[in-house]
Structures are given as structure tokens and as C-alpha cells.
Protein backbone atom coordinates (compact mmCIF):
# COMPACT_ATOMS: atom_id res chain seq x y z
CA UNK A 1 151.47 54.58 119.92
CA UNK A 2 148.61 53.49 122.21
CA UNK A 3 145.33 55.25 121.64
CA UNK A 4 144.37 57.65 124.43
CA UNK A 5 140.86 56.16 124.31
CA UNK A 6 142.15 52.76 125.39
CA UNK A 7 143.93 54.21 128.41
CA UNK A 8 141.05 56.44 129.48
CA UNK A 9 139.03 55.47 132.53
CA UNK A 10 135.25 55.18 132.28
CA UNK A 11 133.45 58.26 133.49
CA UNK A 12 131.74 57.85 136.81
CA UNK A 13 128.11 58.96 136.81
CA UNK A 14 127.11 60.88 139.90
CA UNK A 15 123.52 61.72 140.69
CA UNK A 16 122.75 64.62 142.93
CA UNK A 17 120.84 63.44 146.04
CA UNK A 18 118.62 66.47 145.57
CA UNK A 19 117.20 64.77 142.48
CA UNK A 20 115.84 61.92 144.60
CA UNK A 21 114.31 64.31 147.10
CA UNK A 22 112.57 66.29 144.36
CA UNK A 23 111.35 63.08 142.70
CA UNK A 24 109.91 61.81 145.98
CA UNK A 25 108.20 65.13 146.63
CA UNK A 26 106.65 65.16 143.16
CA UNK A 27 105.44 61.57 143.53
CA UNK A 28 103.97 62.29 146.95
CA UNK A 29 102.19 65.40 145.65
CA UNK A 30 100.76 63.54 142.64
CA UNK A 31 99.69 60.54 144.73
CA UNK A 32 97.99 62.73 147.34
CA UNK A 33 96.17 64.74 144.66
CA UNK A 34 95.01 61.59 142.87
CA UNK A 35 93.86 60.00 146.11
CA UNK A 36 91.97 63.14 147.08
CA UNK A 37 90.27 63.26 143.69
CA UNK A 38 89.12 59.65 144.05
CA UNK A 39 87.93 60.28 147.59
CA UNK A 40 86.00 63.36 146.50
CA UNK A 41 84.27 61.26 143.87
CA UNK A 42 83.50 58.17 145.95
CA UNK A 43 82.70 59.37 149.46
CA UNK A 44 80.04 62.00 148.65
CA UNK A 45 78.12 59.42 146.59
CA UNK A 46 78.49 56.82 149.34
CA UNK A 47 77.31 59.34 151.93
CA UNK A 48 74.46 60.38 149.63
CA UNK A 49 73.20 56.79 149.36
CA UNK A 50 73.48 56.36 153.11
CA UNK A 51 71.66 59.60 153.94
CA UNK A 52 68.97 58.96 151.31
CA UNK A 53 68.30 55.45 152.56
CA UNK A 54 67.66 56.77 156.06
CA UNK A 55 64.25 57.86 154.72
CA UNK A 56 63.33 54.25 153.96
CA UNK A 57 61.86 51.46 156.06
CA UNK A 58 64.72 49.05 155.33
CA UNK A 59 67.85 51.26 155.12
CA UNK A 60 70.41 48.44 155.06
CA UNK A 61 68.67 46.72 152.16
CA UNK A 62 68.30 50.11 150.48
CA UNK A 63 72.05 50.74 150.57
CA UNK A 64 72.81 47.21 149.48
CA UNK A 65 70.41 47.50 146.55
CA UNK A 66 71.45 50.94 145.31
CA UNK A 67 75.20 51.09 145.95
CA UNK A 68 75.99 49.26 142.73
CA UNK A 69 74.01 51.81 140.68
CA UNK A 70 75.57 54.99 142.08
CA UNK A 71 76.95 55.90 138.65
CA UNK A 72 73.42 56.34 137.34
CA UNK A 73 72.24 58.88 139.91
CA UNK A 74 75.40 60.41 141.47
CA UNK A 75 73.92 62.76 144.12
CA UNK A 76 70.56 63.53 142.50
CA UNK A 77 67.52 62.76 144.72
CA UNK A 78 65.14 62.33 141.79
CA UNK A 79 67.46 59.97 139.94
CA UNK A 80 68.07 57.77 142.98
CA UNK A 81 64.29 57.49 143.47
CA UNK A 82 63.86 56.68 139.79
CA UNK A 83 66.60 54.04 140.02
CA UNK A 84 64.92 52.52 143.09
CA UNK A 85 61.62 52.28 141.20
CA UNK A 86 63.31 50.61 138.22
CA UNK A 87 64.95 48.07 140.52
CA UNK A 88 61.62 47.43 142.24
CA UNK A 89 59.95 46.87 138.86
CA UNK A 90 62.67 44.42 137.82
CA UNK A 91 62.25 42.41 141.04
CA UNK A 92 58.46 42.45 140.73
CA UNK A 93 58.67 41.16 137.15
CA UNK A 94 61.03 38.39 138.25
CA UNK A 95 58.69 37.40 141.08
CA UNK A 96 55.71 37.45 138.71
CA UNK A 97 57.50 35.11 136.30
CA UNK A 98 58.23 32.74 139.17
CA UNK A 99 54.65 32.82 140.44
CA UNK A 100 53.34 32.34 136.90
CA UNK A 101 55.48 29.26 136.56
CA UNK A 102 54.14 27.88 139.83
CA UNK A 103 50.58 28.51 138.71
CA UNK A 104 51.10 25.93 135.96
CA UNK A 105 52.09 23.37 138.57
CA UNK A 106 49.49 24.10 141.21
CA UNK A 107 45.83 25.08 141.17
CA UNK A 108 46.12 26.38 144.73
CA UNK A 109 44.03 29.51 145.26
CA UNK A 110 46.88 31.33 146.98
CA UNK A 111 49.11 30.94 143.93
CA UNK A 112 46.38 32.06 141.54
CA UNK A 113 45.55 35.11 143.65
CA UNK A 114 49.23 35.98 143.88
CA UNK A 115 49.56 35.89 140.10
CA UNK A 116 46.80 38.46 139.83
CA UNK A 117 48.19 40.67 142.58
CA UNK A 118 51.76 40.58 141.29
CA UNK A 119 50.57 41.30 137.77
CA UNK A 120 48.77 44.38 139.07
CA UNK A 121 51.84 45.48 141.03
CA UNK A 122 54.01 45.23 137.90
CA UNK A 123 51.53 47.40 135.97
CA UNK A 124 51.48 50.01 138.73
CA UNK A 125 55.26 50.07 139.09
CA UNK A 126 55.66 50.40 135.33
CA UNK A 127 53.29 53.38 135.35
CA UNK A 128 55.10 55.03 138.25
CA UNK A 129 58.49 54.50 136.60
CA UNK A 130 57.31 56.13 133.36
CA UNK A 131 55.77 59.04 135.23
CA UNK A 132 59.04 59.71 137.08
CA UNK A 133 60.54 60.86 133.79
CA UNK A 134 58.01 63.69 133.65
CA UNK A 135 57.98 65.16 137.13
CA UNK A 136 60.81 67.59 136.38
CA UNK A 137 62.71 69.57 138.97
CA UNK A 138 61.39 70.48 142.40
CA UNK A 139 59.25 73.58 142.23
CA UNK A 140 58.63 73.31 138.49
CA UNK A 141 55.11 73.58 137.10
CA UNK A 142 53.07 70.46 137.73
CA UNK A 143 55.77 68.91 139.90
CA UNK A 144 53.57 68.04 142.86
CA UNK A 145 50.78 66.77 140.63
CA UNK A 146 53.11 64.37 138.80
CA UNK A 147 54.80 63.36 142.05
CA UNK A 148 51.45 62.52 143.64
CA UNK A 149 50.65 60.30 140.66
CA UNK A 150 53.90 58.41 141.13
CA UNK A 151 53.20 58.02 144.84
CA UNK A 152 49.68 56.77 144.13
CA UNK A 153 50.83 54.10 141.68
CA UNK A 154 53.75 53.04 143.84
CA UNK A 155 51.48 52.77 146.91
CA UNK A 156 49.01 50.71 144.90
CA UNK A 157 51.81 48.38 143.81
CA UNK A 158 52.89 47.93 147.43
CA UNK A 159 49.30 47.15 148.43
CA UNK A 160 49.10 44.48 145.72
CA UNK A 161 52.31 42.87 146.93
CA UNK A 162 51.22 42.99 150.57
CA UNK A 163 47.87 41.41 149.66
CA UNK A 164 49.74 38.54 148.02
CA UNK A 165 51.85 38.06 151.15
CA UNK A 166 48.85 38.23 153.47
CA UNK A 167 47.23 35.35 151.60
CA UNK A 168 50.06 33.07 152.74
CA UNK A 169 49.00 33.53 156.35
CA UNK A 170 45.73 31.77 155.58
CA UNK A 171 47.39 28.85 153.84
CA UNK A 172 48.12 25.83 156.00
CA UNK A 173 50.54 24.30 153.47
CA UNK A 174 53.21 26.97 153.89
CA UNK A 175 55.87 24.34 154.60
CA UNK A 176 55.84 23.22 150.99
CA UNK A 177 59.15 24.17 149.37
CA UNK A 178 57.75 26.08 146.39
CA UNK A 179 55.44 28.07 148.65
CA UNK A 180 58.35 29.02 150.90
CA UNK A 181 60.40 30.17 147.91
CA UNK A 182 57.50 32.16 146.50
CA UNK A 183 56.90 33.88 149.81
CA UNK A 184 60.60 34.83 150.11
CA UNK A 185 60.66 36.32 146.61
CA UNK A 186 57.49 38.32 147.14
CA UNK A 187 58.63 39.47 150.59
CA UNK A 188 61.85 40.87 149.11
CA UNK A 189 59.87 42.69 146.43
CA UNK A 190 57.70 44.19 149.16
CA UNK A 191 60.75 45.53 151.03
CA UNK A 192 62.41 46.93 147.90
CA UNK A 193 59.15 48.56 146.78
CA UNK A 194 58.61 50.03 150.24
CA UNK A 195 62.10 51.57 150.04
CA UNK A 196 61.39 52.96 146.58
CA UNK A 197 58.20 54.54 147.89
CA UNK A 198 60.16 56.12 150.73
CA UNK A 199 62.69 57.63 148.33
CA UNK A 200 59.95 58.99 146.06
CA UNK A 201 58.07 60.45 149.01
CA UNK A 202 61.31 62.10 150.15
CA UNK A 203 61.21 64.30 147.02
CA UNK A 204 58.27 66.22 148.46
CA UNK A 205 60.52 67.50 151.26
CA UNK A 206 63.45 68.61 149.10
CA UNK A 207 63.25 72.12 147.64
CA UNK A 208 66.27 72.16 145.32
CA UNK A 209 67.88 69.44 143.22
């Protein structure tokens, strides 16, 4: 006698179309929520960098320099100023190393003066960076005193860098390759330091952060 299992037809699987609709709705809801969460994280920081850099002399360079470090300061005005100072110090140290190297190849007075000026700017930027850790929140005791110290050192560093650049104007051998490269490096440090000074100075106008 043939087995009833052999004569049975395979069961047809039917899926309710409502299942697909619910699945699509759930996916859409999850995707929209995830996208909104990412947007809420990214765009405020991007806008914060943009609005902060409007207080600087070179806003485009400011945004370009700081955008990659947004995770270190989020939307904190003090931390973005501190980050800008640290970046300025790093660029100044790099320029000093380059100028020091050139000083071993040339006894030109411009190069020697620039070594001294850039060395002084590095010292001043290092002091201002350390002091930024101590200024505390806006309105706290000693805030303005510490902030003024940072501004003084940062301004002194910018003066040192500018003095180095000004010496190139008196040098008639500016077309030499190494002099052109040195001037470009120092000029970029001047712009980045100027921006850092602008962001630090901006703290004096912000009451809460």
C-alpha cells in the first residue's frame, strides 16, 4: 500500500503582504532615526567650527586646520582655542627645526635671526598652551587673569614670527629656493598662530561654556 507521505503534495508557503509593509516601515523608521542621530552629532560640531573661525583673521584656514580635530573639543570654546594653540605650537616647532637645519648650511643673517625669533615663539606658545589648562571656566576666580597671560604669550609669539618674516623683506636673495621654502613655512605658522590668538581672545566675550 503506497505511503500517504509519498502521494502528498508539498505545502505552499504564503507570506502575508502585510509583513513586507511592516518590515519596510520598521526599516525606514530605523534608518531615519540613525541618520538623524548622525546628523545631530556631525552638523552642530561643523557649525561650531565654522562660527568659531569667523572670529579669526583667516577663517578658511582655521576651518581647514581644526575640522580634523573636532573630536577633541566638540562644541567647547575653551577646548577649540586650546587645540588651536597646540596646533600652532606644533607648526612653530616644525618651522624651527627647518630653520635650524638651514642655519647649518648658511651663515646668512636672516636665517640666524629667524632661528632666534622662531625659538622665542616656540617658548611663548608652549607657555600659553600650558596656561590654557589653568584658566578654568568663564567667570571662575582668576579666569581673566589667566586668560590675559595666555593672550600676552600668544601675542608675543606672533610678534616673534612676524619679525622673522619682516626680515625677508630686507633680503635681496629671496629667490633662493631654501629661502622661499623657509618663508612659506614661517608665513603659515604666522597665519595659524594669528587664528589661535583670535580663538583665545574670543573667550573674553563668552559668558558661559
